[in-house]
Amino acid sequence: MPAQAPDPVSSSALARQLNLPSRSVFNVLLEHGLVEKADDAWALTETGRAKGGDYRESKQFGRYIVWPMTIADDDMFRTSAEATEGEAALSSTAIGKEHALSAQKVNAILSELGWIRKGVKGWVLTPQGTKLGGEQHEHDRTGIPYGIRSSQTRVS
């Protein structure tokens, strides 16, 4: 009897397997034409289906995309993983640890500098924060926005 292929994994599980943020995995899938945004949700393209992407339904999460485990070995993810390893991101928490400050204090300082502003929930980058190399992100689980800055970006 031939070995059965492992069950497909969700995009979030794929991100955990690759040790990448979910947002990075979705960006790679989008850049390579495997998914697209449709009505504020991710949708498979024909290319995505050809790579083994499919849909699953869940009472808790609704409709979501799954991938074969083998997609984690695809070259499209190597660049993202290497970039993540070579360029550490600086969050308020990381900056605070480096300077013996709380993340809240760091956020207050960044806000005073005009680099971030308080959003309805979380912190939102200002145009100046973006210009200085900040990137807007959302927490994978809660969706609360926050900004990070590449450790390779230096402010003069």
N, C-alpha and C. Protein backbone atom coordinates (compact mmCIF):
# COMPACT_ATOMS: atom_id res chain seq x y z
N MET A 1 0.84 -1.17 0.00
CA MET A 1 0.00 0.00 0.00
C MET A 1 0.90 1.25 0.00
N PRO A 2 0.70 2.19 -0.97
CA PRO A 2 1.54 3.39 -1.02
C PRO A 2 1.28 4.31 0.17
N ALA A 3 2.33 5.05 0.55
CA ALA A 3 2.20 5.99 1.67
C ALA A 3 1.26 7.12 1.27
N GLN A 4 0.40 7.50 2.19
CA GLN A 4 -0.55 8.58 1.93
C GLN A 4 0.14 9.92 2.15
N ALA A 5 -0.15 10.89 1.27
CA ALA A 5 0.43 12.23 1.39
C ALA A 5 -0.08 12.87 2.69
N PRO A 6 0.77 13.65 3.36
CA PRO A 6 0.32 14.31 4.57
C PRO A 6 -0.83 15.27 4.27
N ASP A 7 -1.65 15.53 5.28
CA ASP A 7 -2.75 16.46 5.12
C ASP A 7 -2.21 17.84 4.75
N PRO A 8 -2.95 18.58 3.93
CA PRO A 8 -2.52 19.94 3.62
C PRO A 8 -2.57 20.82 4.87
N VAL A 9 -1.81 21.91 4.82
CA VAL A 9 -1.74 22.83 5.96
C VAL A 9 -2.27 24.19 5.57
N SER A 10 -2.80 24.90 6.54
CA SER A 10 -3.27 26.27 6.31
C SER A 10 -2.08 27.19 6.04
N SER A 11 -2.35 28.35 5.50
CA SER A 11 -1.28 29.32 5.25
C SER A 11 -0.60 29.74 6.54
N SER A 12 -1.37 29.84 7.63
CA SER A 12 -0.79 30.20 8.94
C SER A 12 0.12 29.09 9.44
N ALA A 13 -0.29 27.84 9.28
CA ALA A 13 0.55 26.71 9.69
C ALA A 13 1.80 26.65 8.83
N LEU A 14 1.66 26.96 7.54
CA LEU A 14 2.81 27.02 6.64
C LEU A 14 3.79 28.08 7.12
N ALA A 15 3.28 29.23 7.54
CA ALA A 15 4.13 30.30 8.05
C ALA A 15 4.90 29.83 9.29
N ARG A 16 4.22 29.14 10.19
CA ARG A 16 4.91 28.61 11.39
C ARG A 16 6.00 27.62 10.99
N GLN A 17 5.70 26.77 10.02
CA GLN A 17 6.67 25.77 9.55
C GLN A 17 7.90 26.45 8.96
N LEU A 18 7.68 27.55 8.24
CA LEU A 18 8.77 28.28 7.61
C LEU A 18 9.45 29.27 8.55
N ASN A 19 8.89 29.42 9.75
CA ASN A 19 9.39 30.39 10.73
C ASN A 19 9.37 31.81 10.16
N LEU A 20 8.25 32.13 9.50
CA LEU A 20 8.03 33.45 8.92
C LEU A 20 6.72 34.00 9.44
N PRO A 21 6.57 35.32 9.48
CA PRO A 21 5.26 35.89 9.84
C PRO A 21 4.23 35.52 8.76
N SER A 22 2.99 35.32 9.15
CA SER A 22 1.93 35.00 8.19
C SER A 22 1.86 36.03 7.09
N ARG A 23 2.01 37.29 7.45
CA ARG A 23 1.94 38.36 6.46
C ARG A 23 3.01 38.16 5.37
N SER A 24 4.22 37.75 5.75
CA SER A 24 5.29 37.52 4.77
C SER A 24 4.93 36.38 3.83
N VAL A 25 4.34 35.31 4.38
CA VAL A 25 3.96 34.17 3.55
C VAL A 25 2.89 34.60 2.55
N PHE A 26 1.88 35.34 3.00
CA PHE A 26 0.84 35.81 2.09
C PHE A 26 1.43 36.75 1.04
N ASN A 27 2.39 37.60 1.42
CA ASN A 27 3.02 38.49 0.45
C ASN A 27 3.78 37.71 -0.62
N VAL A 28 4.49 36.65 -0.22
CA VAL A 28 5.21 35.81 -1.18
C VAL A 28 4.21 35.13 -2.11
N LEU A 29 3.14 34.58 -1.54
CA LEU A 29 2.12 33.91 -2.36
C LEU A 29 1.49 34.90 -3.34
N LEU A 30 1.26 36.13 -2.88
CA LEU A 30 0.68 37.16 -3.73
C LEU A 30 1.65 37.56 -4.84
N GLU A 31 2.92 37.80 -4.48
CA GLU A 31 3.94 38.20 -5.46
C GLU A 31 4.14 37.15 -6.54
N HIS A 32 3.96 35.88 -6.20
CA HIS A 32 4.15 34.79 -7.16
C HIS A 32 2.86 34.38 -7.85
N GLY A 33 1.80 35.14 -7.60
CA GLY A 33 0.54 34.92 -8.31
C GLY A 33 -0.25 33.70 -7.87
N LEU A 34 -0.02 33.21 -6.65
CA LEU A 34 -0.75 32.04 -6.17
C LEU A 34 -2.06 32.42 -5.49
N VAL A 35 -2.12 33.64 -4.94
CA VAL A 35 -3.33 34.14 -4.30
C VAL A 35 -3.56 35.57 -4.75
N GLU A 36 -4.78 36.06 -4.50
CA GLU A 36 -5.12 37.45 -4.75
C GLU A 36 -6.14 37.86 -3.71
N LYS A 37 -6.27 39.16 -3.51
CA LYS A 37 -7.28 39.67 -2.58
C LYS A 37 -8.58 39.85 -3.36
N ALA A 38 -9.67 39.30 -2.84
CA ALA A 38 -10.99 39.46 -3.45
C ALA A 38 -12.00 39.67 -2.34
N ASP A 39 -12.68 40.80 -2.36
CA ASP A 39 -13.68 41.11 -1.33
C ASP A 39 -13.10 41.00 0.08
N ASP A 40 -11.94 41.59 0.30
CA ASP A 40 -11.27 41.59 1.61
C ASP A 40 -10.93 40.20 2.13
N ALA A 41 -10.81 39.23 1.24
CA ALA A 41 -10.41 37.87 1.63
C ALA A 41 -9.39 37.36 0.61
N TRP A 42 -8.60 36.40 1.01
CA TRP A 42 -7.64 35.80 0.10
C TRP A 42 -8.35 34.78 -0.77
N ALA A 43 -8.00 34.77 -2.07
CA ALA A 43 -8.58 33.83 -3.02
C ALA A 43 -7.46 33.16 -3.80
N LEU A 44 -7.64 31.89 -4.11
CA LEU A 44 -6.67 31.15 -4.92
C LEU A 44 -6.77 31.59 -6.37
N THR A 45 -5.63 31.63 -7.04
CA THR A 45 -5.60 31.84 -8.48
C THR A 45 -5.44 30.48 -9.14
N GLU A 46 -5.49 30.45 -10.46
CA GLU A 46 -5.25 29.19 -11.18
C GLU A 46 -3.83 28.68 -10.89
N THR A 47 -2.88 29.61 -10.81
CA THR A 47 -1.50 29.22 -10.48
C THR A 47 -1.44 28.60 -9.10
N GLY A 48 -2.18 29.17 -8.15
CA GLY A 48 -2.23 28.63 -6.80
C GLY A 48 -2.81 27.23 -6.77
N ARG A 49 -3.87 27.02 -7.54
CA ARG A 49 -4.46 25.68 -7.63
C ARG A 49 -3.48 24.69 -8.26
N ALA A 50 -2.73 25.16 -9.28
CA ALA A 50 -1.75 24.29 -9.95
C ALA A 50 -0.63 23.88 -8.98
N LYS A 51 -0.34 24.75 -7.99
CA LYS A 51 0.68 24.43 -6.97
C LYS A 51 0.12 23.58 -5.84
N GLY A 52 -1.17 23.23 -5.93
CA GLY A 52 -1.77 22.35 -4.92
C GLY A 52 -2.64 23.05 -3.91
N GLY A 53 -2.84 24.36 -4.06
CA GLY A 53 -3.70 25.09 -3.13
C GLY A 53 -5.15 24.66 -3.28
N ASP A 54 -5.87 24.70 -2.18
CA ASP A 54 -7.28 24.31 -2.18
C ASP A 54 -7.96 25.07 -1.04
N TYR A 55 -9.26 24.92 -0.95
CA TYR A 55 -10.03 25.55 0.12
C TYR A 55 -10.51 24.51 1.12
N ARG A 56 -10.62 24.94 2.36
CA ARG A 56 -11.25 24.14 3.42
C ARG A 56 -12.27 25.03 4.11
N GLU A 57 -13.25 24.40 4.71
CA GLU A 57 -14.27 25.12 5.47
C GLU A 57 -14.16 24.72 6.93
N SER A 58 -14.38 25.68 7.79
CA SER A 58 -14.35 25.43 9.22
C SER A 58 -15.45 26.25 9.87
N LYS A 59 -16.12 25.69 10.86
CA LYS A 59 -17.14 26.45 11.58
C LYS A 59 -16.51 27.66 12.27
N GLN A 60 -15.30 27.47 12.80
CA GLN A 60 -14.64 28.53 13.55
C GLN A 60 -14.04 29.61 12.64
N PHE A 61 -13.39 29.20 11.54
CA PHE A 61 -12.65 30.15 10.71
C PHE A 61 -13.29 30.42 9.35
N GLY A 62 -14.33 29.71 9.00
CA GLY A 62 -14.95 29.89 7.69
C GLY A 62 -14.08 29.26 6.61
N ARG A 63 -14.10 29.85 5.43
CA ARG A 63 -13.32 29.32 4.30
C ARG A 63 -11.89 29.82 4.37
N TYR A 64 -10.93 28.91 4.22
CA TYR A 64 -9.52 29.29 4.23
C TYR A 64 -8.75 28.43 3.23
N ILE A 65 -7.56 28.87 2.90
CA ILE A 65 -6.72 28.21 1.90
C ILE A 65 -5.77 27.24 2.59
N VAL A 66 -5.60 26.06 1.98
CA VAL A 66 -4.63 25.08 2.46
C VAL A 66 -3.65 24.76 1.33
N TRP A 67 -2.48 24.30 1.74
CA TRP A 67 -1.39 24.00 0.80
C TRP A 67 -0.81 22.63 1.11
N PRO A 68 -0.25 21.95 0.10
CA PRO A 68 0.46 20.71 0.40
C PRO A 68 1.74 21.05 1.17
N MET A 69 2.15 20.17 2.05
CA MET A 69 3.36 20.40 2.85
C MET A 69 4.58 20.66 1.97
N THR A 70 4.61 20.10 0.79
CA THR A 70 5.77 20.23 -0.09
C THR A 70 6.00 21.65 -0.58
N ILE A 71 4.99 22.51 -0.50
CA ILE A 71 5.16 23.89 -0.97
C ILE A 71 6.19 24.64 -0.12
N ALA A 72 6.40 24.19 1.11
CA ALA A 72 7.39 24.84 1.99
C ALA A 72 8.80 24.74 1.41
N ASP A 73 9.03 23.75 0.54
CA ASP A 73 10.35 23.57 -0.07
C ASP A 73 10.53 24.41 -1.33
N ASP A 74 9.49 25.11 -1.76
CA ASP A 74 9.56 25.90 -2.99
C ASP A 74 10.55 27.04 -2.83
N ASP A 75 11.29 27.33 -3.89
CA ASP A 75 12.30 28.39 -3.87
C ASP A 75 11.73 29.77 -3.56
N MET A 76 10.44 29.99 -3.83
CA MET A 76 9.87 31.32 -3.59
C MET A 76 9.97 31.72 -2.12
N PHE A 77 10.05 30.74 -1.21
CA PHE A 77 10.13 31.06 0.22
C PHE A 77 11.56 31.25 0.70
N ARG A 78 12.53 30.81 -0.05
CA ARG A 78 13.93 30.93 0.39
C ARG A 78 14.34 32.39 0.56
N THR A 79 14.00 33.23 -0.38
CA THR A 79 14.38 34.64 -0.31
C THR A 79 13.80 35.30 0.92
N SER A 80 12.52 35.04 1.22
CA SER A 80 11.89 35.65 2.39
C SER A 80 12.53 35.17 3.68
N ALA A 81 12.79 33.87 3.77
CA ALA A 81 13.40 33.32 4.98
C ALA A 81 14.80 33.88 5.18
N GLU A 82 15.57 33.99 4.09
CA GLU A 82 16.92 34.53 4.20
C GLU A 82 16.89 36.00 4.58
N ALA A 83 15.95 36.75 4.03
CA ALA A 83 15.84 38.17 4.37
C ALA A 83 15.46 38.34 5.83
N THR A 84 14.56 37.50 6.33
CA THR A 84 14.14 37.58 7.72
C THR A 84 15.31 37.27 8.65
N GLU A 85 16.12 36.26 8.29
CA GLU A 85 17.27 35.91 9.13
C GLU A 85 18.33 36.99 9.10
N GLY A 86 18.57 37.60 7.93
CA GLY A 86 19.65 38.56 7.78
C GLY A 86 19.30 39.95 8.26
N GLU A 87 18.04 40.23 8.45
CA GLU A 87 17.62 41.58 8.80
C GLU A 87 16.61 41.53 9.93
N ALA A 88 17.10 41.64 11.13
CA ALA A 88 16.21 41.57 12.28
C ALA A 88 15.34 42.81 12.34
N ALA A 89 14.11 42.63 12.73
CA ALA A 89 13.18 43.75 12.85
C ALA A 89 13.22 44.27 14.28
N LEU A 90 13.10 45.57 14.41
CA LEU A 90 13.11 46.19 15.72
C LEU A 90 11.69 46.60 16.10
N SER A 91 11.16 45.98 17.10
CA SER A 91 9.86 46.35 17.63
C SER A 91 10.09 47.21 18.87
N SER A 92 9.01 47.79 19.38
CA SER A 92 9.13 48.58 20.61
C SER A 92 9.66 47.73 21.75
N THR A 93 9.22 46.49 21.79
CA THR A 93 9.68 45.57 22.83
C THR A 93 11.19 45.34 22.72
N ALA A 94 11.68 45.08 21.49
CA ALA A 94 13.10 44.82 21.28
C ALA A 94 13.94 46.06 21.61
N ILE A 95 13.46 47.22 21.17
CA ILE A 95 14.19 48.46 21.47
C ILE A 95 14.21 48.70 22.98
N GLY A 96 13.07 48.47 23.64
CA GLY A 96 12.98 48.65 25.08
C GLY A 96 13.94 47.75 25.84
N LYS A 97 14.03 46.49 25.43
CA LYS A 97 14.95 45.55 26.10
C LYS A 97 16.39 46.03 25.96
N GLU A 98 16.73 46.53 24.78
CA GLU A 98 18.09 46.99 24.52
C GLU A 98 18.47 48.21 25.38
N HIS A 99 17.45 49.02 25.75
CA HIS A 99 17.72 50.25 26.49
C HIS A 99 17.07 50.29 27.88
N ALA A 100 16.67 49.13 28.38
CA ALA A 100 16.06 49.00 29.70
C ALA A 100 14.83 49.91 29.86
N LEU A 101 13.97 49.91 28.84
CA LEU A 101 12.72 50.67 28.87
C LEU A 101 11.56 49.74 28.56
N SER A 102 10.38 50.10 29.01
CA SER A 102 9.21 49.31 28.67
C SER A 102 8.79 49.62 27.22
N ALA A 103 8.09 48.69 26.61
CA ALA A 103 7.57 48.92 25.25
C ALA A 103 6.65 50.14 25.24
N GLN A 104 5.89 50.35 26.32
CA GLN A 104 4.99 51.51 26.40
C GLN A 104 5.78 52.82 26.37
N LYS A 105 6.89 52.85 27.08
CA LYS A 105 7.73 54.05 27.11
C LYS A 105 8.33 54.30 25.72
N VAL A 106 8.78 53.24 25.05
CA VAL A 106 9.34 53.37 23.70
C VAL A 106 8.27 53.91 22.76
N ASN A 107 7.06 53.36 22.84
CA ASN A 107 5.97 53.85 21.99
C ASN A 107 5.68 55.32 22.25
N ALA A 108 5.71 55.73 23.51
CA ALA A 108 5.48 57.14 23.85
C ALA A 108 6.56 58.02 23.23
N ILE A 109 7.80 57.57 23.28
CA ILE A 109 8.91 58.34 22.70
C ILE A 109 8.76 58.42 21.18
N LEU A 110 8.46 57.29 20.54
CA LEU A 110 8.29 57.27 19.08
C LEU A 110 7.11 58.15 18.66
N SER A 111 6.09 58.18 19.48
CA SER A 111 4.93 59.03 19.21
C SER A 111 5.31 60.50 19.33
N GLU A 112 6.08 60.82 20.36
CA GLU A 112 6.52 62.20 20.56
C GLU A 112 7.41 62.67 19.41
N LEU A 113 8.17 61.75 18.84
CA LEU A 113 9.02 62.07 17.68
C LEU A 113 8.20 62.21 16.40
N GLY A 114 6.94 61.76 16.44
CA GLY A 114 6.08 61.86 15.27
C GLY A 114 6.21 60.69 14.32
N TRP A 115 6.77 59.57 14.79
CA TRP A 115 6.98 58.41 13.94
C TRP A 115 5.81 57.43 13.97
N ILE A 116 5.06 57.42 15.08
CA ILE A 116 3.87 56.59 15.20
C ILE A 116 2.79 57.43 15.88
N ARG A 117 1.55 56.99 15.73
CA ARG A 117 0.45 57.63 16.45
C ARG A 117 -0.47 56.53 16.96
N LYS A 118 -1.17 56.86 18.04
CA LYS A 118 -2.09 55.90 18.64
C LYS A 118 -3.27 55.71 17.70
N GLY A 119 -3.57 54.46 17.37
CA GLY A 119 -4.73 54.14 16.56
C GLY A 119 -5.88 53.75 17.46
N VAL A 120 -7.00 53.34 16.87
CA VAL A 120 -8.14 52.88 17.66
C VAL A 120 -7.68 51.73 18.56
N LYS A 121 -6.92 50.82 17.98
CA LYS A 121 -6.26 49.76 18.73
C LYS A 121 -4.83 49.72 18.22
N GLY A 122 -3.89 49.76 19.09
CA GLY A 122 -2.49 49.65 18.68
C GLY A 122 -1.91 50.95 18.17
N TRP A 123 -0.77 50.82 17.47
CA TRP A 123 -0.01 51.96 17.00
C TRP A 123 0.07 51.93 15.48
N VAL A 124 -0.04 53.11 14.87
CA VAL A 124 -0.04 53.24 13.42
C VAL A 124 1.13 54.13 13.02
N LEU A 125 1.86 53.71 11.99
CA LEU A 125 2.98 54.52 11.50
C LEU A 125 2.47 55.81 10.87
N THR A 126 3.23 56.86 11.07
CA THR A 126 2.95 58.13 10.40
C THR A 126 3.73 58.12 9.08
N PRO A 127 3.45 59.07 8.19
CA PRO A 127 4.26 59.16 6.96
C PRO A 127 5.75 59.31 7.25
N GLN A 128 6.09 60.05 8.31
CA GLN A 128 7.51 60.20 8.67
C GLN A 128 8.09 58.88 9.14
N GLY A 129 7.31 58.12 9.91
CA GLY A 129 7.77 56.81 10.36
C GLY A 129 8.04 55.87 9.21
N THR A 130 7.18 55.92 8.20
CA THR A 130 7.36 55.10 7.00
C THR A 130 8.60 55.55 6.24
N LYS A 131 8.78 56.86 6.12
CA LYS A 131 9.94 57.42 5.41
C LYS A 131 11.25 56.98 6.07
N LEU A 132 11.23 56.81 7.37
CA LEU A 132 12.44 56.42 8.10
C LEU A 132 12.66 54.91 8.13
N GLY A 133 11.85 54.16 7.36
CA GLY A 133 12.08 52.72 7.25
C GLY A 133 11.12 51.87 8.06
N GLY A 134 10.12 52.48 8.67
CA GLY A 134 9.14 51.70 9.43
C GLY A 134 8.22 50.93 8.51
N GLU A 135 7.73 49.82 9.01
CA GLU A 135 6.78 48.99 8.28
C GLU A 135 5.58 48.74 9.17
N GLN A 136 4.39 48.92 8.62
CA GLN A 136 3.17 48.67 9.37
C GLN A 136 2.86 47.18 9.34
N HIS A 137 2.56 46.60 10.48
CA HIS A 137 2.20 45.18 10.59
C HIS A 137 0.96 45.06 11.46
N GLU A 138 0.38 43.87 11.43
CA GLU A 138 -0.73 43.54 12.32
C GLU A 138 -0.39 42.25 13.04
N HIS A 139 -0.76 42.19 14.30
CA HIS A 139 -0.54 40.98 15.08
C HIS A 139 -1.31 39.85 14.43
N ASP A 140 -0.66 38.69 14.25
CA ASP A 140 -1.28 37.55 13.56
C ASP A 140 -2.59 37.12 14.19
N ARG A 141 -2.65 37.11 15.51
CA ARG A 141 -3.83 36.59 16.20
C ARG A 141 -4.89 37.65 16.44
N THR A 142 -4.48 38.85 16.84
CA THR A 142 -5.45 39.86 17.25
C THR A 142 -5.78 40.88 16.16
N GLY A 143 -4.89 41.03 15.18
CA GLY A 143 -5.10 42.03 14.13
C GLY A 143 -4.78 43.45 14.58
N ILE A 144 -4.24 43.61 15.78
CA ILE A 144 -3.89 44.94 16.29
C ILE A 144 -2.64 45.45 15.55
N PRO A 145 -2.70 46.69 15.02
CA PRO A 145 -1.57 47.21 14.24
C PRO A 145 -0.38 47.61 15.13
N TYR A 146 0.81 47.47 14.55
CA TYR A 146 2.02 47.93 15.20
C TYR A 146 3.05 48.20 14.11
N GLY A 147 4.06 48.97 14.44
CA GLY A 147 5.12 49.27 13.49
C GLY A 147 6.41 48.63 13.91
N ILE A 148 7.22 48.26 12.92
CA ILE A 148 8.57 47.79 13.20
C ILE A 148 9.52 48.51 12.27
N ARG A 149 10.79 48.44 12.58
CA ARG A 149 11.81 49.07 11.75
C ARG A 149 12.93 48.07 11.55
N SER A 150 13.42 48.00 10.34
CA SER A 150 14.54 47.12 10.04
C SER A 150 15.74 47.56 10.87
N SER A 151 16.47 46.59 11.40
CA SER A 151 17.65 46.94 12.19
C SER A 151 18.76 47.48 11.28
N GLN A 152 18.61 47.27 9.98
CA GLN A 152 19.64 47.78 9.06
C GLN A 152 19.34 49.22 8.63
N THR A 153 18.18 49.74 8.99
CA THR A 153 17.84 51.13 8.68
C THR A 153 18.31 51.97 9.86
N ARG A 154 19.12 52.92 9.60
CA ARG A 154 19.64 53.79 10.66
C ARG A 154 19.10 55.20 10.48
N VAL A 155 18.76 55.83 11.55
CA VAL A 155 18.29 57.21 11.53
C VAL A 155 19.49 58.12 11.76
N SER A 156 19.67 59.09 10.88
CA SER A 156 20.82 60.00 11.01
C SER A 156 20.49 61.14 11.94
